[in-house]
Protein backbone atom coordinates (compact mmCIF):
# COMPACT_ATOMS: atom_id res chain seq x y z
CA MET A 1 -9.65 -11.16 3.26
CA LYS A 2 -5.93 -10.81 5.04
CA ILE A 3 -5.13 -7.12 4.76
CA MET A 4 -1.77 -5.25 5.41
CA HIS A 5 -2.24 -1.94 6.88
CA VAL A 6 0.62 0.10 6.59
CA ASP A 7 0.60 3.63 8.68
CA ALA A 8 3.73 6.45 8.15
CA SER A 9 2.27 9.31 9.50
CA ALA A 10 4.93 10.88 12.47
CA LYS A 11 1.49 12.23 14.03
CA ARG A 12 -0.29 9.57 16.53
CA GLU A 13 -4.09 10.41 17.77
CA ARG A 14 -3.60 13.93 15.79
CA SER A 15 -2.57 12.55 12.10
CA ASN A 16 -5.61 12.20 9.60
CA SER A 17 -4.32 9.56 7.58
CA ARG A 18 -4.54 7.46 10.46
CA ALA A 19 -7.86 8.26 11.32
CA LEU A 20 -9.01 8.02 7.32
CA SER A 21 -7.44 4.48 7.64
CA ARG A 22 -8.90 3.17 10.41
CA TYR A 23 -12.38 4.60 9.17
CA PHE A 24 -11.98 2.02 5.85
CA LEU A 25 -11.45 -0.73 8.21
CA GLU A 26 -14.68 0.10 9.69
CA ARG A 27 -16.47 0.31 6.29
CA LEU A 28 -15.26 -2.57 5.39
CA ARG A 29 -16.58 -4.58 8.74
CA GLU A 30 -19.52 -2.86 8.18
CA GLU A 31 -20.23 -4.22 4.68
CA GLY A 32 -19.98 -7.69 6.41
CA MET A 33 -16.24 -8.59 4.95
CA ASP A 34 -14.51 -10.69 7.10
CA ILE A 35 -10.94 -9.49 7.29
CA GLU A 36 -7.27 -10.19 8.99
CA VAL A 37 -5.38 -7.51 9.40
CA ASP A 38 -1.44 -7.63 9.11
CA TYR A 39 -1.02 -4.11 10.68
CA LEU A 40 2.99 -1.99 10.01
CA ASP A 41 3.28 1.26 11.64
CA LEU A 42 6.64 2.43 9.98
CA THR A 43 7.44 5.07 12.60
CA VAL A 44 7.78 2.70 15.48
CA ASP A 45 8.97 -0.29 12.76
CA THR A 46 11.33 1.57 10.46
CA PRO A 47 13.01 -0.34 7.73
CA PRO A 48 16.47 -0.03 7.33
CA HIS A 49 17.79 2.41 5.02
CA VAL A 50 19.81 0.91 1.86
CA SER A 51 23.42 0.46 3.18
CA GLU A 52 26.52 -1.02 0.66
CA ALA A 53 25.66 -4.36 2.60
CA PHE A 54 22.25 -4.36 1.46
CA THR A 55 22.33 -3.35 -2.08
CA ILE A 56 25.29 -6.11 -2.41
CA ALA A 57 23.22 -9.29 -0.95
CA THR A 58 20.17 -8.41 -2.42
CA TYR A 59 21.52 -8.61 -5.73
CA THR A 60 23.52 -11.92 -5.53
CA PRO A 61 22.03 -14.43 -6.38
CA SER A 62 20.36 -16.75 -3.52
CA HIS A 63 22.31 -19.77 -4.09
CA GLU A 64 25.17 -17.66 -3.56
CA ARG A 65 24.54 -15.58 -0.57
CA THR A 66 26.35 -16.06 2.32
CA ALA A 67 25.30 -16.45 6.16
CA ALA A 68 25.79 -12.67 6.31
CA MET A 69 24.41 -11.94 3.18
CA LYS A 70 21.21 -13.26 4.48
CA ALA A 71 21.16 -12.15 7.83
CA THR A 72 21.66 -8.64 6.16
CA LEU A 73 17.92 -8.99 3.87
CA ALA A 74 16.24 -11.15 6.56
CA ALA A 75 13.95 -7.98 7.55
CA SER A 76 13.35 -7.41 3.82
CA ASP A 77 12.93 -10.44 3.41
CA ALA A 78 9.80 -10.80 6.36
CA LEU A 79 8.23 -7.37 4.54
CA CYS A 80 7.75 -9.02 1.10
CA LYS A 81 6.45 -11.90 2.37
CA ARG A 82 4.01 -10.15 4.44
CA LEU A 83 2.72 -8.17 1.21
CA LEU A 84 2.67 -11.07 -1.03
CA ASP A 85 0.76 -13.08 1.73
CA ALA A 86 -1.41 -10.56 1.80
CA ASP A 87 -4.84 -10.06 -0.39
CA ALA A 88 -4.95 -6.27 -0.42
CA LEU A 89 -3.14 -3.52 0.88
CA VAL A 90 -4.07 -0.55 3.02
CA PHE A 91 -1.51 2.37 2.88
CA ALA A 92 -2.02 5.36 5.29
CA MET A 93 0.72 8.64 5.10
CA PRO A 94 0.67 12.44 5.07
CA MET A 95 2.29 14.43 2.01
CA TYR A 96 5.85 16.20 3.64
CA ASN A 97 7.09 18.68 1.24
CA TRP A 98 5.47 17.45 -1.80
CA SER A 99 6.43 13.93 -1.34
CA MET A 100 6.14 10.72 0.81
CA PRO A 101 7.30 10.38 4.04
CA SER A 102 11.16 9.05 4.94
CA VAL A 103 9.91 6.01 6.77
CA PHE A 104 7.48 5.35 3.51
CA LYS A 105 10.47 5.40 1.38
CA ALA A 106 12.32 3.31 3.24
CA PHE A 107 9.28 0.43 2.97
CA ILE A 108 9.42 0.90 -0.55
CA ASP A 109 13.47 0.30 -0.30
CA SER A 110 12.93 -2.74 1.87
CA ILE A 111 9.80 -4.53 -0.32
CA THR A 112 11.76 -3.83 -4.44
CA ARG A 113 13.08 -6.83 -4.46
CA THR A 114 14.63 -8.72 -7.20
CA GLY A 115 13.77 -12.64 -7.28
CA LEU A 116 11.18 -11.84 -4.69
CA THR A 117 8.43 -8.79 -5.70
CA TYR A 118 9.61 -8.49 -8.87
CA LEU A 119 11.34 -11.65 -11.39
CA PHE A 120 13.12 -11.43 -14.96
CA THR A 121 11.45 -12.87 -17.62
CA ASP A 122 13.46 -14.44 -19.92
CA ASP A 123 13.47 -11.74 -22.53
CA GLY A 124 14.69 -9.61 -20.10
CA HIS A 125 11.87 -7.88 -18.87
CA THR A 126 10.60 -7.57 -15.17
CA GLU A 127 7.59 -8.81 -14.26
CA GLY A 128 5.89 -7.43 -10.98
CA GLN A 129 4.55 -9.83 -8.36
CA LEU A 130 1.86 -7.96 -6.50
CA ALA A 131 -0.60 -7.86 -9.58
CA ARG A 132 -3.27 -10.26 -7.76
CA GLN A 133 -3.42 -7.62 -4.38
CA ARG A 134 -6.10 -4.92 -4.51
CA VAL A 135 -4.09 -1.63 -3.11
CA LEU A 136 -5.34 1.52 -1.64
CA PHE A 137 -3.20 4.85 -0.85
CA ILE A 138 -4.92 7.41 1.60
CA THR A 139 -2.79 10.22 1.53
CA SER A 140 -3.67 13.46 3.54
CA ARG A 141 -2.10 17.09 2.20
CA GLY A 142 -1.61 20.20 3.97
CA ALA A 143 -2.38 22.16 0.40
CA ASP A 144 -4.51 21.40 -2.16
CA LEU A 145 -2.80 19.72 -4.79
CA ARG A 146 -6.09 18.46 -7.22
CA ALA A 147 -6.20 19.38 -11.25
CA GLY A 148 -7.14 23.42 -11.17
CA SER A 149 -5.23 24.52 -8.13
CA PRO A 150 -2.07 26.92 -8.04
CA TYR A 151 0.25 23.97 -6.33
CA SER A 152 -1.45 20.89 -8.81
CA SER A 153 1.79 20.36 -10.40
CA MET A 154 3.61 19.80 -7.13
CA ASP A 155 2.14 16.68 -6.33
CA ALA A 156 5.21 14.39 -6.27
CA LEU A 157 3.69 11.57 -4.35
CA THR A 158 1.00 10.47 -6.58
CA PRO A 159 3.28 9.53 -9.19
CA ALA A 160 6.00 8.48 -6.83
CA LEU A 161 3.82 5.83 -5.53
CA LYS A 162 2.14 4.79 -8.82
CA ALA A 163 5.47 4.28 -10.10
CA ALA A 164 7.06 2.53 -7.63
CA PHE A 165 4.19 0.05 -7.12
CA GLY A 166 3.52 -0.16 -10.60
CA PHE A 167 7.15 -1.68 -10.96
CA ILE A 168 6.30 -4.68 -8.79
CA GLY A 169 2.84 -5.13 -9.94
CA VAL A 170 0.27 -2.72 -8.63
CA ALA A 171 -1.64 -2.21 -11.71
CA ALA A 172 -4.24 0.39 -10.77
CA PRO A 173 -4.21 1.38 -7.08
CA SER A 174 -7.37 3.25 -5.83
CA PHE A 175 -6.22 6.86 -4.28
CA VAL A 176 -8.30 8.57 -1.65
CA ASP A 177 -6.62 12.22 -1.00
CA ALA A 178 -7.77 14.42 2.06
CA GLN A 179 -6.63 18.02 0.83
CA PRO A 180 -6.29 20.56 2.06
CA LEU A 181 -6.01 20.45 5.68
CA GLN A 182 -3.13 22.85 6.45
CA PHE A 183 -3.53 25.95 4.37
CA SER A 184 -7.10 26.58 4.36
CA ASP A 185 -9.74 27.27 6.75
CA GLU A 186 -11.97 25.56 9.35
CA ALA A 187 -14.53 24.89 6.73
CA ALA A 188 -12.36 23.82 3.95
CA ARG A 189 -10.39 21.39 6.44
CA ILE A 190 -14.02 19.52 7.23
CA GLU A 191 -14.94 19.57 3.73
CA ALA A 192 -11.75 17.68 2.97
CA LEU A 193 -12.07 15.15 5.39
CA GLU A 194 -16.11 14.45 4.72
CA ARG A 195 -14.80 13.91 1.10
CA ALA A 196 -12.45 11.49 1.83
CA ARG A 197 -14.51 9.47 3.87
CA THR A 198 -17.47 9.54 1.29
CA GLU A 199 -14.93 8.27 -1.20
CA LEU A 200 -13.32 5.77 1.29
CA THR A 201 -17.16 4.30 2.10
CA ALA A 202 -17.21 3.76 -1.72
CA VAL A 203 -13.81 1.76 -2.12
CA ALA A 204 -14.99 -0.22 1.14
CA ALA A 205 -18.39 -0.64 -0.69
CA ASN A 206 -16.41 -2.08 -4.42
CA TRP A 207 -14.11 -3.56 -2.45
CA ALA A 208 -16.84 -5.73 -0.43
CA ALA A 209 -18.38 -6.79 -3.61
CA TRP A 210 -15.45 -7.74 -5.14
CA ALA A 211 -14.63 -10.05 -2.06
CA LYS A 212 -18.56 -11.44 -2.65
CA SER A 213 -18.04 -12.19 -5.98
CA GLN A 214 -14.64 -14.50 -5.63
CA SER A 215 -16.31 -15.95 -2.96
CA ALA A 216 -18.82 -16.68 -5.46
CA SER A 217 -16.38 -18.21 -8.07
CA ALA A 218 -14.95 -20.12 -6.04
CA LEU A 219 -18.01 -21.96 -4.42
CA ASP A 220 -19.04 -22.81 -8.34
CA ILE A 221 -15.53 -23.92 -9.03
CA HIS A 222 -15.71 -26.50 -6.38
CA ALA A 223 -19.42 -27.22 -6.95
CA ARG A 224 -18.50 -28.28 -10.70
CA GLN A 225 -15.24 -29.91 -9.16
CA ALA A 226 -17.19 -31.85 -6.55
CA VAL A 227 -20.05 -32.86 -9.57
CA SER A 228 -17.44 -33.89 -11.89
CA ALA A 229 -15.61 -36.13 -9.34
């Protein structure tokens, strides 16, 4: 399985979201999965923010683009290809002021591309192209935004991620949210991280089972084709 792993925390070794994403990949390997990781650290390789040139180029039909337009879109084209080539996507990020880090928003702007990650159908609707990828969002949150908490209505991150990736074809992403990690006592922080690790272990087992079933189906199809030949 080829996994695109994206980190977006401004912190380094002190980052909880980075640590949890590493933990998840370790659990996949423990499940016996053969994974190839395409890693992207958005704090190091931040996509350019949307510019006038980018906007004009991306909505110009590909056969009409000038050399300058193609150059403007080159980095975005490459990012889109990395997503489309992956079998699964793991996105890890902290919540900043109720939503996503600005580097991840720049990433979304760069990979939401007509003709690449979504297409217009004959009846005028859009069709996302990331329907086959399994997607996991790992988030860390300073406050407790779970249902029933005083801050639950202030979660702008989850709906934004569901909307952005739903548009490009991701219908049912998984979410593992570690919370509360900042505005809490030490016991609550330890409990939040342990809860997140438990959930990630379960997601890893689910992905491993799915990968095994896919492999078995492929072998069965190959065997039937060999017999019919």
